[in-house]
């Protein structure tokens, strides 16, 4: 079965998505905040039982022209059951996060990961392995250029993925994350692994 390059598959627009039922997000009971070495080691143990993870990072927004973020400040990794939100202030937590990202043999799936990858190399000193850009997968399947998590959830699940603008632009470098920040961060990674599964990519790590 080959698609003609010019047969674009339609993606629902904003208004259509607004009418869909909400995608069920992970609640705080299935989100673990990781702030130190012990927490990071425990997360490592859980994550490495799974062949693929949803992956994302958050960086403190920069508002001045030419201002560079020293992000990522947060790394999120998720399985289809739960998510871990790593705060990268602690050196040991950073080191284990770097190790997780550098591990071969695990797919790390997410949306719009170009920036994340650059920042990880700068901040954590590792080249992340097994990165899977889900936008590319959709493009190969004939969808328009940047599907993004909202479009993907709408197309695959016929559901609306809720993203809080306020959380998105919040300060990710804060020592204490709010519950809203944790839910936002974790669910970006969780939605990515659910999309990965729904695309039938589970076999390829």
N, C-alpha and C. Protein backbone atom coordinates (compact mmCIF):
# COMPACT_ATOMS: atom_id res chain seq x y z
N UNK A 1 0.84 -1.18 0.00
CA UNK A 1 0.00 0.00 0.00
C UNK A 1 0.87 1.23 0.00
N UNK A 2 0.85 2.02 -1.06
CA UNK A 2 1.65 3.24 -1.01
C UNK A 2 0.74 4.45 -1.13
N UNK A 3 1.09 5.45 -0.30
CA UNK A 3 0.31 6.69 -0.34
C UNK A 3 0.90 7.59 -1.40
N UNK A 4 0.07 8.29 -2.12
CA UNK A 4 0.60 9.32 -2.99
C UNK A 4 0.97 10.49 -2.12
N UNK A 5 2.14 11.07 -2.35
CA UNK A 5 2.60 12.15 -1.48
C UNK A 5 1.60 13.31 -1.39
N UNK A 6 0.77 13.47 -2.42
CA UNK A 6 -0.14 14.62 -2.38
C UNK A 6 -1.48 14.32 -1.71
N UNK A 7 -1.70 13.07 -1.27
CA UNK A 7 -2.97 12.80 -0.58
C UNK A 7 -2.74 13.07 0.91
N UNK A 8 -2.96 14.30 1.29
CA UNK A 8 -2.80 14.70 2.69
C UNK A 8 -3.95 14.13 3.49
N UNK A 9 -3.63 13.51 4.60
CA UNK A 9 -4.70 13.07 5.49
C UNK A 9 -5.08 14.26 6.37
N UNK A 10 -6.37 14.46 6.52
CA UNK A 10 -6.82 15.64 7.27
C UNK A 10 -6.61 15.46 8.76
N UNK A 11 -6.28 16.56 9.39
CA UNK A 11 -6.18 16.60 10.85
C UNK A 11 -7.30 17.50 11.34
N UNK A 12 -8.00 17.10 12.41
CA UNK A 12 -9.09 17.95 12.89
C UNK A 12 -8.56 19.32 13.31
N UNK A 13 -9.32 20.37 13.06
CA UNK A 13 -8.88 21.70 13.47
C UNK A 13 -9.29 21.96 14.92
N UNK A 14 -8.85 23.11 15.42
CA UNK A 14 -9.10 23.50 16.81
C UNK A 14 -10.57 23.37 17.22
N UNK A 15 -11.45 23.88 16.35
CA UNK A 15 -12.88 23.87 16.69
C UNK A 15 -13.42 22.45 16.78
N UNK A 16 -12.98 21.60 15.86
CA UNK A 16 -13.42 20.21 15.89
C UNK A 16 -12.90 19.52 17.15
N UNK A 17 -11.64 19.78 17.49
CA UNK A 17 -11.04 19.16 18.67
C UNK A 17 -11.76 19.60 19.94
N UNK A 18 -12.18 20.87 19.98
CA UNK A 18 -12.85 21.41 21.17
C UNK A 18 -14.11 20.64 21.53
N UNK A 19 -14.72 19.98 20.53
CA UNK A 19 -15.98 19.26 20.77
C UNK A 19 -15.75 17.82 21.24
N UNK A 20 -14.53 17.35 21.20
CA UNK A 20 -14.26 15.95 21.55
C UNK A 20 -14.26 15.75 23.06
N UNK A 21 -14.56 14.53 23.49
CA UNK A 21 -14.45 14.24 24.93
C UNK A 21 -12.98 14.30 25.37
N UNK A 22 -12.75 14.58 26.63
CA UNK A 22 -11.38 14.77 27.12
C UNK A 22 -10.63 13.44 27.22
N UNK A 23 -9.37 13.50 26.84
CA UNK A 23 -8.42 12.39 27.04
C UNK A 23 -8.18 12.26 28.53
N UNK A 24 -8.23 11.04 29.04
CA UNK A 24 -8.05 10.87 30.48
C UNK A 24 -6.58 10.94 30.85
N UNK A 25 -6.25 11.97 31.60
CA UNK A 25 -4.85 12.20 31.95
C UNK A 25 -4.47 11.42 33.20
N UNK A 26 -3.18 11.23 33.38
CA UNK A 26 -2.69 10.63 34.62
C UNK A 26 -2.94 11.60 35.76
N UNK A 27 -3.42 11.06 36.87
CA UNK A 27 -3.58 11.87 38.08
C UNK A 27 -2.31 11.81 38.91
N UNK A 28 -2.27 12.61 39.96
CA UNK A 28 -1.07 12.68 40.80
C UNK A 28 -0.70 11.34 41.43
N UNK A 29 -1.70 10.46 41.59
CA UNK A 29 -1.42 9.14 42.17
C UNK A 29 -0.54 8.28 41.27
N UNK A 30 -0.43 8.66 40.00
CA UNK A 30 0.41 7.87 39.09
C UNK A 30 1.59 8.68 38.54
N UNK A 31 1.88 9.77 39.25
CA UNK A 31 3.00 10.63 38.86
C UNK A 31 3.98 10.68 40.02
N UNK A 32 5.23 10.38 39.75
CA UNK A 32 6.25 10.42 40.79
C UNK A 32 7.20 11.58 40.53
N UNK A 33 7.37 12.44 41.52
CA UNK A 33 8.34 13.52 41.41
C UNK A 33 9.69 12.98 41.86
N UNK A 34 10.71 13.21 41.04
CA UNK A 34 12.05 12.70 41.33
C UNK A 34 12.97 13.89 41.55
N UNK A 35 13.55 13.98 42.75
CA UNK A 35 14.36 15.15 43.06
C UNK A 35 15.78 14.82 43.49
N UNK A 36 16.06 13.53 43.74
CA UNK A 36 17.40 13.19 44.25
C UNK A 36 17.84 11.83 43.70
N UNK A 37 19.04 11.44 44.08
CA UNK A 37 19.63 10.21 43.56
C UNK A 37 18.81 8.97 43.88
N UNK A 38 18.32 8.89 45.12
CA UNK A 38 17.55 7.70 45.53
C UNK A 38 16.28 7.58 44.68
N UNK A 39 15.59 8.69 44.50
CA UNK A 39 14.38 8.69 43.69
C UNK A 39 14.68 8.35 42.24
N UNK A 40 15.79 8.87 41.75
CA UNK A 40 16.17 8.62 40.35
C UNK A 40 16.53 7.15 40.13
N UNK A 41 17.20 6.56 41.11
CA UNK A 41 17.55 5.13 40.99
C UNK A 41 16.29 4.27 40.99
N UNK A 42 15.32 4.62 41.84
CA UNK A 42 14.06 3.87 41.88
C UNK A 42 13.33 3.99 40.54
N UNK A 43 13.30 5.20 39.98
CA UNK A 43 12.66 5.42 38.67
C UNK A 43 13.37 4.61 37.59
N UNK A 44 14.69 4.60 37.65
CA UNK A 44 15.52 3.84 36.69
C UNK A 44 15.08 2.37 36.69
N UNK A 45 14.90 1.82 37.90
CA UNK A 45 14.49 0.42 38.03
C UNK A 45 13.15 0.14 37.38
N UNK A 46 12.19 1.03 37.56
CA UNK A 46 10.86 0.86 36.96
C UNK A 46 10.91 1.03 35.44
N UNK A 47 11.55 2.10 35.01
CA UNK A 47 11.54 2.44 33.58
C UNK A 47 12.22 1.38 32.73
N UNK A 48 13.32 0.83 33.24
CA UNK A 48 14.08 -0.13 32.43
C UNK A 48 13.39 -1.49 32.31
N UNK A 49 12.23 -1.66 32.94
CA UNK A 49 11.41 -2.85 32.71
C UNK A 49 10.56 -2.69 31.45
N UNK A 50 10.48 -1.46 30.92
CA UNK A 50 9.64 -1.16 29.75
C UNK A 50 10.52 -0.87 28.54
N UNK A 51 10.13 -1.37 27.35
CA UNK A 51 10.98 -1.16 26.17
C UNK A 51 10.88 0.23 25.55
N UNK A 52 9.84 0.97 25.90
CA UNK A 52 9.65 2.29 25.28
C UNK A 52 9.07 3.26 26.31
N UNK A 53 9.48 4.51 26.20
CA UNK A 53 9.02 5.53 27.14
C UNK A 53 8.52 6.74 26.38
N UNK A 54 7.51 7.39 26.94
CA UNK A 54 7.17 8.73 26.47
C UNK A 54 8.19 9.68 27.06
N UNK A 55 8.54 10.70 26.30
CA UNK A 55 9.67 11.54 26.69
C UNK A 55 9.39 13.00 26.37
N UNK A 56 9.76 13.86 27.30
CA UNK A 56 9.65 15.30 27.06
C UNK A 56 10.54 16.01 28.07
N UNK A 57 10.79 17.29 27.84
CA UNK A 57 11.48 18.09 28.84
C UNK A 57 10.77 19.44 28.94
N UNK A 58 11.01 20.13 30.03
CA UNK A 58 10.51 21.50 30.18
C UNK A 58 11.67 22.39 30.59
N UNK A 59 11.69 23.58 30.03
CA UNK A 59 12.71 24.57 30.39
C UNK A 59 12.02 25.85 30.81
N UNK A 60 12.62 26.53 31.73
CA UNK A 60 12.11 27.83 32.16
C UNK A 60 12.01 28.74 30.94
N UNK A 61 10.86 29.38 30.74
CA UNK A 61 10.75 30.24 29.55
C UNK A 61 11.72 31.42 29.63
N UNK A 62 12.21 31.85 28.48
CA UNK A 62 13.06 33.03 28.44
C UNK A 62 12.26 34.14 27.77
N UNK A 63 12.38 35.33 28.30
CA UNK A 63 11.54 36.42 27.81
C UNK A 63 12.34 37.51 27.11
N UNK A 64 13.64 37.58 27.38
CA UNK A 64 14.44 38.63 26.74
C UNK A 64 15.07 38.11 25.46
N UNK A 65 15.17 38.98 24.48
CA UNK A 65 15.79 38.60 23.20
C UNK A 65 17.23 38.17 23.47
N UNK A 66 17.61 37.05 22.90
CA UNK A 66 18.98 36.58 23.05
C UNK A 66 19.27 35.90 24.37
N UNK A 67 18.28 35.85 25.26
CA UNK A 67 18.47 35.19 26.56
C UNK A 67 18.43 33.68 26.32
N UNK A 68 19.43 32.98 26.82
CA UNK A 68 19.47 31.53 26.62
C UNK A 68 18.96 30.83 27.87
N UNK A 69 18.16 29.80 27.67
CA UNK A 69 17.69 29.04 28.82
C UNK A 69 18.80 28.11 29.26
N UNK A 70 18.93 27.91 30.58
CA UNK A 70 19.90 26.90 31.02
C UNK A 70 19.16 25.60 31.28
N UNK A 71 18.08 25.39 30.52
CA UNK A 71 17.28 24.18 30.65
C UNK A 71 17.96 23.01 29.94
N UNK A 72 17.34 21.84 29.99
CA UNK A 72 16.05 21.61 30.63
C UNK A 72 16.15 21.62 32.16
N UNK A 73 15.07 22.04 32.78
CA UNK A 73 14.98 22.01 34.24
C UNK A 73 14.22 20.77 34.69
N UNK A 74 13.39 20.26 33.78
CA UNK A 74 12.56 19.10 34.08
C UNK A 74 12.69 18.08 32.94
N UNK A 75 12.79 16.81 33.32
CA UNK A 75 12.75 15.72 32.35
C UNK A 75 11.57 14.84 32.73
N UNK A 76 10.74 14.47 31.73
CA UNK A 76 9.62 13.60 32.00
C UNK A 76 9.76 12.30 31.20
N UNK A 77 9.60 11.19 31.87
CA UNK A 77 9.61 9.88 31.22
C UNK A 77 8.37 9.13 31.69
N UNK A 78 7.69 8.46 30.76
CA UNK A 78 6.44 7.78 31.13
C UNK A 78 6.35 6.41 30.49
N UNK A 79 5.71 5.50 31.21
CA UNK A 79 5.28 4.22 30.66
C UNK A 79 3.77 4.35 30.44
N UNK A 80 3.13 3.35 29.84
CA UNK A 80 1.67 3.45 29.68
C UNK A 80 0.90 3.44 31.01
N UNK A 81 1.58 3.19 32.10
CA UNK A 81 0.91 3.15 33.41
C UNK A 81 1.19 4.35 34.29
N UNK A 82 2.40 4.90 34.19
CA UNK A 82 2.75 5.99 35.10
C UNK A 82 3.85 6.88 34.54
N UNK A 83 4.11 7.97 35.25
CA UNK A 83 5.12 8.91 34.76
C UNK A 83 6.01 9.38 35.90
N UNK A 84 7.22 9.72 35.52
CA UNK A 84 8.20 10.26 36.45
C UNK A 84 8.60 11.65 35.97
N UNK A 85 8.60 12.60 36.89
CA UNK A 85 8.98 13.97 36.59
C UNK A 85 10.27 14.25 37.36
N UNK A 86 11.38 14.34 36.62
CA UNK A 86 12.69 14.54 37.24
C UNK A 86 13.01 16.03 37.30
N UNK A 87 13.30 16.53 38.49
CA UNK A 87 13.82 17.89 38.62
C UNK A 87 15.34 17.79 38.57
N UNK A 88 15.96 18.62 37.73
CA UNK A 88 17.38 18.41 37.44
C UNK A 88 18.32 19.31 38.24
N UNK A 89 17.90 19.77 39.42
CA UNK A 89 18.78 20.62 40.24
C UNK A 89 19.89 19.79 40.89
N UNK A 90 19.52 18.60 41.36
CA UNK A 90 20.44 17.77 42.14
C UNK A 90 21.41 17.04 41.21
N UNK A 91 22.74 17.11 41.51
CA UNK A 91 23.73 16.52 40.59
C UNK A 91 23.55 15.02 40.39
N UNK A 92 23.18 14.30 41.43
CA UNK A 92 23.02 12.86 41.30
C UNK A 92 21.78 12.52 40.47
N UNK A 93 20.71 13.27 40.69
CA UNK A 93 19.49 13.10 39.90
C UNK A 93 19.80 13.39 38.42
N UNK A 94 20.61 14.43 38.19
CA UNK A 94 21.01 14.79 36.82
C UNK A 94 21.82 13.67 36.17
N UNK A 95 22.73 13.10 36.94
CA UNK A 95 23.61 12.05 36.40
C UNK A 95 22.80 10.81 36.00
N UNK A 96 21.84 10.43 36.83
CA UNK A 96 21.03 9.24 36.53
C UNK A 96 20.07 9.53 35.38
N UNK A 97 19.56 10.75 35.30
CA UNK A 97 18.72 11.16 34.17
C UNK A 97 19.51 11.06 32.87
N UNK A 98 20.75 11.53 32.91
CA UNK A 98 21.62 11.47 31.73
C UNK A 98 21.83 10.02 31.32
N UNK A 99 22.02 9.16 32.30
CA UNK A 99 22.24 7.73 32.04
C UNK A 99 21.00 7.11 31.38
N UNK A 100 19.82 7.45 31.87
CA UNK A 100 18.59 6.94 31.27
C UNK A 100 18.47 7.36 29.82
N UNK A 101 18.78 8.63 29.54
CA UNK A 101 18.65 9.13 28.17
C UNK A 101 19.69 8.54 27.24
N UNK A 102 20.86 8.19 27.79
CA UNK A 102 21.94 7.65 26.97
C UNK A 102 21.80 6.15 26.74
N UNK A 103 20.87 5.50 27.45
CA UNK A 103 20.69 4.05 27.32
C UNK A 103 20.20 3.68 25.93
N UNK A 104 20.90 2.76 25.29
CA UNK A 104 20.41 2.24 24.01
C UNK A 104 19.39 1.15 24.26
N UNK A 105 18.62 0.80 23.22
CA UNK A 105 17.67 -0.30 23.34
C UNK A 105 16.32 0.08 23.92
N UNK A 106 16.12 1.36 24.22
CA UNK A 106 14.83 1.85 24.69
C UNK A 106 14.39 2.97 23.77
N UNK A 107 13.16 2.87 23.26
CA UNK A 107 12.64 3.96 22.43
C UNK A 107 12.16 5.08 23.35
N UNK A 108 12.50 6.32 22.99
CA UNK A 108 12.03 7.48 23.76
C UNK A 108 11.23 8.34 22.80
N UNK A 109 9.91 8.27 22.94
CA UNK A 109 9.01 8.87 21.95
C UNK A 109 8.44 10.18 22.44
N UNK A 110 8.39 11.16 21.55
CA UNK A 110 7.81 12.44 21.93
C UNK A 110 7.56 13.30 20.71
N UNK A 111 7.08 14.51 20.96
CA UNK A 111 6.74 15.47 19.90
C UNK A 111 7.65 16.69 19.96
N UNK A 112 8.16 17.11 18.80
CA UNK A 112 8.94 18.35 18.75
C UNK A 112 10.18 18.30 19.60
N UNK A 113 10.98 17.26 19.39
CA UNK A 113 12.10 16.99 20.30
C UNK A 113 13.42 17.63 19.89
N UNK A 114 13.45 18.37 18.79
CA UNK A 114 14.71 18.96 18.33
C UNK A 114 15.39 19.82 19.38
N UNK A 115 14.63 20.72 19.97
CA UNK A 115 15.16 21.61 21.00
C UNK A 115 15.58 20.85 22.24
N UNK A 116 14.75 19.89 22.63
CA UNK A 116 15.03 19.09 23.83
C UNK A 116 16.39 18.43 23.69
N UNK A 117 16.62 17.87 22.48
CA UNK A 117 17.85 17.12 22.26
C UNK A 117 19.07 18.04 22.40
N UNK A 118 18.98 19.23 21.77
CA UNK A 118 20.10 20.19 21.86
C UNK A 118 20.40 20.56 23.30
N UNK A 119 19.33 20.83 24.05
CA UNK A 119 19.51 21.27 25.44
C UNK A 119 20.06 20.14 26.32
N UNK A 120 19.65 18.92 26.03
CA UNK A 120 20.14 17.78 26.81
C UNK A 120 21.64 17.61 26.61
N UNK A 121 22.07 17.75 25.36
CA UNK A 121 23.50 17.63 25.07
C UNK A 121 24.26 18.70 25.86
N UNK A 122 23.75 19.93 25.85
CA UNK A 122 24.41 21.03 26.56
C UNK A 122 24.41 20.82 28.07
N UNK A 123 23.24 20.45 28.60
CA UNK A 123 23.10 20.43 30.06
C UNK A 123 23.58 19.12 30.69
N UNK A 124 23.30 18.01 30.04
CA UNK A 124 23.59 16.71 30.66
C UNK A 124 24.82 16.05 30.05
N UNK A 125 25.32 16.62 28.94
CA UNK A 125 26.56 16.09 28.36
C UNK A 125 26.42 14.72 27.73
N UNK A 126 25.20 14.32 27.38
CA UNK A 126 25.02 13.03 26.69
C UNK A 126 24.22 13.24 25.42
N UNK A 127 24.46 12.35 24.46
CA UNK A 127 23.63 12.28 23.25
C UNK A 127 22.51 11.31 23.58
N UNK A 128 21.26 11.78 23.62
CA UNK A 128 20.18 10.84 23.91
C UNK A 128 20.07 9.79 22.80
N UNK A 129 19.85 8.54 23.20
CA UNK A 129 19.72 7.42 22.26
C UNK A 129 18.27 7.01 22.12
N UNK A 130 17.92 6.50 20.93
CA UNK A 130 16.59 5.92 20.74
C UNK A 130 15.48 6.94 20.66
N UNK A 131 15.82 8.19 20.36
CA UNK A 131 14.79 9.24 20.27
C UNK A 131 13.89 8.99 19.06
N UNK A 132 12.60 8.99 19.29
CA UNK A 132 11.64 8.81 18.20
C UNK A 132 10.73 10.03 18.14
N UNK A 133 10.86 10.79 17.06
CA UNK A 133 10.04 11.98 16.85
C UNK A 133 8.71 11.55 16.25
N UNK A 134 7.64 11.65 17.04
CA UNK A 134 6.33 11.17 16.58
C UNK A 134 5.79 12.01 15.43
N UNK A 135 6.15 13.29 15.37
CA UNK A 135 5.71 14.12 14.23
C UNK A 135 6.19 13.51 12.91
N UNK A 136 7.40 12.96 12.92
CA UNK A 136 7.96 12.34 11.71
C UNK A 136 7.14 11.13 11.30
N UNK A 137 6.73 10.33 12.28
CA UNK A 137 5.93 9.13 11.99
C UNK A 137 4.62 9.54 11.32
N UNK A 138 3.98 10.57 11.85
CA UNK A 138 2.72 11.03 11.25
C UNK A 138 2.95 11.57 9.84
N UNK A 139 4.05 12.28 9.66
CA UNK A 139 4.36 12.82 8.34
C UNK A 139 4.54 11.67 7.34
N UNK A 140 5.26 10.62 7.76
CA UNK A 140 5.46 9.45 6.89
C UNK A 140 4.14 8.77 6.56
N UNK A 141 3.16 8.92 7.44
CA UNK A 141 1.85 8.29 7.21
C UNK A 141 0.89 9.24 6.49
N UNK A 142 1.41 10.36 6.02
CA UNK A 142 0.61 11.22 5.16
C UNK A 142 -0.14 12.34 5.84
N UNK A 143 0.17 12.60 7.12
CA UNK A 143 -0.47 13.73 7.80
C UNK A 143 0.34 15.00 7.59
N UNK A 144 -0.26 16.12 7.90
CA UNK A 144 0.43 17.39 7.68
C UNK A 144 1.64 17.52 8.61
N UNK A 145 2.41 18.52 8.35
CA UNK A 145 3.75 18.64 8.92
C UNK A 145 3.84 18.40 10.43
N UNK A 146 3.28 19.28 11.23
CA UNK A 146 3.45 19.06 12.67
C UNK A 146 2.15 18.71 13.35
N UNK A 147 2.01 17.44 13.60
CA UNK A 147 0.81 16.93 14.23
C UNK A 147 0.70 17.44 15.65
N UNK A 148 1.76 17.30 16.42
CA UNK A 148 1.74 17.69 17.83
C UNK A 148 0.87 16.75 18.64
N UNK A 149 0.99 16.85 19.94
CA UNK A 149 0.29 15.92 20.82
C UNK A 149 -1.24 16.08 20.71
N UNK A 150 -1.72 17.31 20.57
CA UNK A 150 -3.17 17.52 20.50
C UNK A 150 -3.77 16.88 19.26
N UNK A 151 -3.15 17.12 18.11
CA UNK A 151 -3.63 16.53 16.86
C UNK A 151 -3.58 15.01 16.90
N UNK A 152 -2.49 14.49 17.46
CA UNK A 152 -2.30 13.04 17.52
C UNK A 152 -3.37 12.37 18.37
N UNK A 153 -3.66 12.95 19.53
CA UNK A 153 -4.67 12.39 20.43
C UNK A 153 -6.06 12.48 19.79
N UNK A 154 -6.30 13.57 19.05
CA UNK A 154 -7.59 13.72 18.37
C UNK A 154 -7.75 12.67 17.28
N UNK A 155 -6.70 12.46 16.48
CA UNK A 155 -6.78 11.52 15.36
C UNK A 155 -6.86 10.07 15.84
N UNK A 156 -6.04 9.71 16.83
CA UNK A 156 -5.95 8.31 17.22
C UNK A 156 -7.03 7.89 18.21
N UNK A 157 -7.40 8.79 19.14
CA UNK A 157 -8.34 8.42 20.20
C UNK A 157 -9.67 9.14 20.08
N UNK A 158 -9.75 10.07 19.13
CA UNK A 158 -10.94 10.90 19.00
C UNK A 158 -11.24 11.61 20.33
N UNK A 159 -10.16 12.11 20.94
CA UNK A 159 -10.28 12.78 22.23
C UNK A 159 -9.48 14.09 22.21
N UNK A 160 -9.79 14.92 23.17
CA UNK A 160 -9.18 16.24 23.27
C UNK A 160 -8.14 16.23 24.39
N UNK A 161 -6.90 16.53 24.01
CA UNK A 161 -5.83 16.56 25.00
C UNK A 161 -5.76 17.97 25.59
N UNK A 162 -5.92 18.06 26.92
CA UNK A 162 -5.99 19.36 27.58
C UNK A 162 -4.59 19.81 27.96
N UNK A 163 -4.23 20.99 27.53
CA UNK A 163 -2.92 21.55 27.84
C UNK A 163 -3.14 22.93 28.44
N UNK A 164 -2.66 23.14 29.65
CA UNK A 164 -2.84 24.44 30.29
C UNK A 164 -1.76 25.41 29.84
N UNK A 165 -2.19 26.51 29.22
CA UNK A 165 -1.26 27.55 28.77
C UNK A 165 -0.48 28.10 29.97
N UNK A 166 -1.18 28.23 31.08
CA UNK A 166 -0.58 28.81 32.28
C UNK A 166 0.56 27.91 32.79
N UNK A 167 0.31 26.60 32.82
CA UNK A 167 1.37 25.68 33.27
C UNK A 167 2.52 25.68 32.26
N UNK A 168 2.18 25.70 30.99
CA UNK A 168 3.20 25.62 29.94
C UNK A 168 4.25 26.71 30.08
N UNK A 169 3.78 27.91 30.40
CA UNK A 169 4.69 29.06 30.45
C UNK A 169 5.12 29.38 31.88
N UNK A 170 4.91 28.43 32.79
CA UNK A 170 5.26 28.67 34.19
C UNK A 170 6.76 28.50 34.39
N UNK A 171 7.23 28.81 35.58
CA UNK A 171 8.66 28.72 35.84
C UNK A 171 9.06 27.29 36.23
N UNK A 172 9.67 26.60 35.27
CA UNK A 172 10.05 25.21 35.48
C UNK A 172 11.32 25.08 36.32
N UNK A 173 11.97 26.19 36.61
CA UNK A 173 13.18 26.13 37.43
C UNK A 173 12.87 26.26 38.92
N UNK A 174 11.60 26.51 39.26
CA UNK A 174 11.22 26.62 40.68
C UNK A 174 11.61 25.37 41.45
N UNK A 175 12.07 25.58 42.69
CA UNK A 175 12.45 24.45 43.54
C UNK A 175 11.23 23.59 43.85
N UNK A 176 10.08 24.25 44.03
CA UNK A 176 8.84 23.50 44.31
C UNK A 176 7.91 23.61 43.11
N UNK A 177 7.61 22.48 42.51
CA UNK A 177 6.66 22.47 41.39
C UNK A 177 5.25 22.44 41.95
N UNK A 178 4.33 23.10 41.27
CA UNK A 178 2.92 23.04 41.67
C UNK A 178 2.33 21.73 41.15
N UNK A 179 1.17 21.37 41.69
CA UNK A 179 0.47 20.17 41.20
C UNK A 179 0.14 20.35 39.72
N UNK A 180 -0.26 21.56 39.34
CA UNK A 180 -0.60 21.81 37.93
C UNK A 180 0.61 21.59 37.03
N UNK A 181 1.77 22.00 37.47
CA UNK A 181 2.99 21.79 36.69
C UNK A 181 3.29 20.30 36.56
N UNK A 182 3.14 19.56 37.66
CA UNK A 182 3.43 18.13 37.63
C UNK A 182 2.49 17.39 36.69
N UNK A 183 1.20 17.72 36.75
CA UNK A 183 0.21 17.07 35.89
C UNK A 183 0.48 17.41 34.42
N UNK A 184 0.78 18.67 34.16
CA UNK A 184 1.08 19.11 32.79
C UNK A 184 2.30 18.36 32.24
N UNK A 185 3.39 18.39 33.01
CA UNK A 185 4.65 17.80 32.55
C UNK A 185 4.51 16.30 32.34
N UNK A 186 3.93 15.62 33.31
CA UNK A 186 3.81 14.16 33.24
C UNK A 186 2.96 13.74 32.06
N UNK A 187 1.88 14.48 31.80
CA UNK A 187 0.94 14.04 30.77
C UNK A 187 1.44 14.29 29.36
N UNK A 188 2.37 15.21 29.17
CA UNK A 188 3.01 15.34 27.86
C UNK A 188 3.73 14.03 27.50
N UNK A 189 4.46 13.49 28.48
CA UNK A 189 5.20 12.24 28.24
C UNK A 189 4.24 11.05 28.17
N UNK A 190 3.22 11.05 29.03
CA UNK A 190 2.25 9.96 29.05
C UNK A 190 1.47 9.88 27.72
N UNK A 191 1.03 11.02 27.22
CA UNK A 191 0.31 11.03 25.95
C UNK A 191 1.21 10.51 24.84
N UNK A 192 2.49 10.85 24.89
CA UNK A 192 3.43 10.40 23.86
C UNK A 192 3.54 8.87 23.83
N UNK A 193 3.62 8.23 24.99
CA UNK A 193 3.75 6.76 25.00
C UNK A 193 2.43 6.11 24.58
N UNK A 194 1.31 6.72 24.92
CA UNK A 194 0.01 6.19 24.48
C UNK A 194 -0.13 6.29 22.95
N UNK A 195 0.33 7.40 22.39
CA UNK A 195 0.31 7.59 20.94
C UNK A 195 1.23 6.57 20.27
N UNK A 196 2.41 6.40 20.83
CA UNK A 196 3.39 5.43 20.34
C UNK A 196 2.76 4.04 20.25
N UNK A 197 2.07 3.65 21.31
CA UNK A 197 1.38 2.34 21.34
C UNK A 197 0.29 2.27 20.27
N UNK A 198 -0.52 3.33 20.20
CA UNK A 198 -1.66 3.34 19.29
C UNK A 198 -1.21 3.31 17.82
N UNK A 199 -0.02 3.80 17.56
CA UNK A 199 0.52 3.77 16.20
C UNK A 199 1.08 2.39 15.85
N UNK A 200 1.05 1.48 16.84
CA UNK A 200 1.56 0.13 16.60
C UNK A 200 3.06 0.07 16.53
N UNK A 201 3.73 0.97 17.26
CA UNK A 201 5.18 1.03 17.20
C UNK A 201 5.83 0.20 18.30
N UNK A 202 5.01 -0.43 19.10
CA UNK A 202 5.50 -1.16 20.28
C UNK A 202 6.61 -2.15 20.01
N UNK A 203 6.60 -2.78 18.83
CA UNK A 203 7.59 -3.82 18.55
C UNK A 203 8.98 -3.28 18.36
N UNK A 204 9.13 -2.05 17.92
CA UNK A 204 10.45 -1.54 17.55
C UNK A 204 11.06 -0.69 18.64
N UNK A 205 12.08 -1.21 19.29
CA UNK A 205 12.80 -0.39 20.27
C UNK A 205 14.14 0.01 19.69
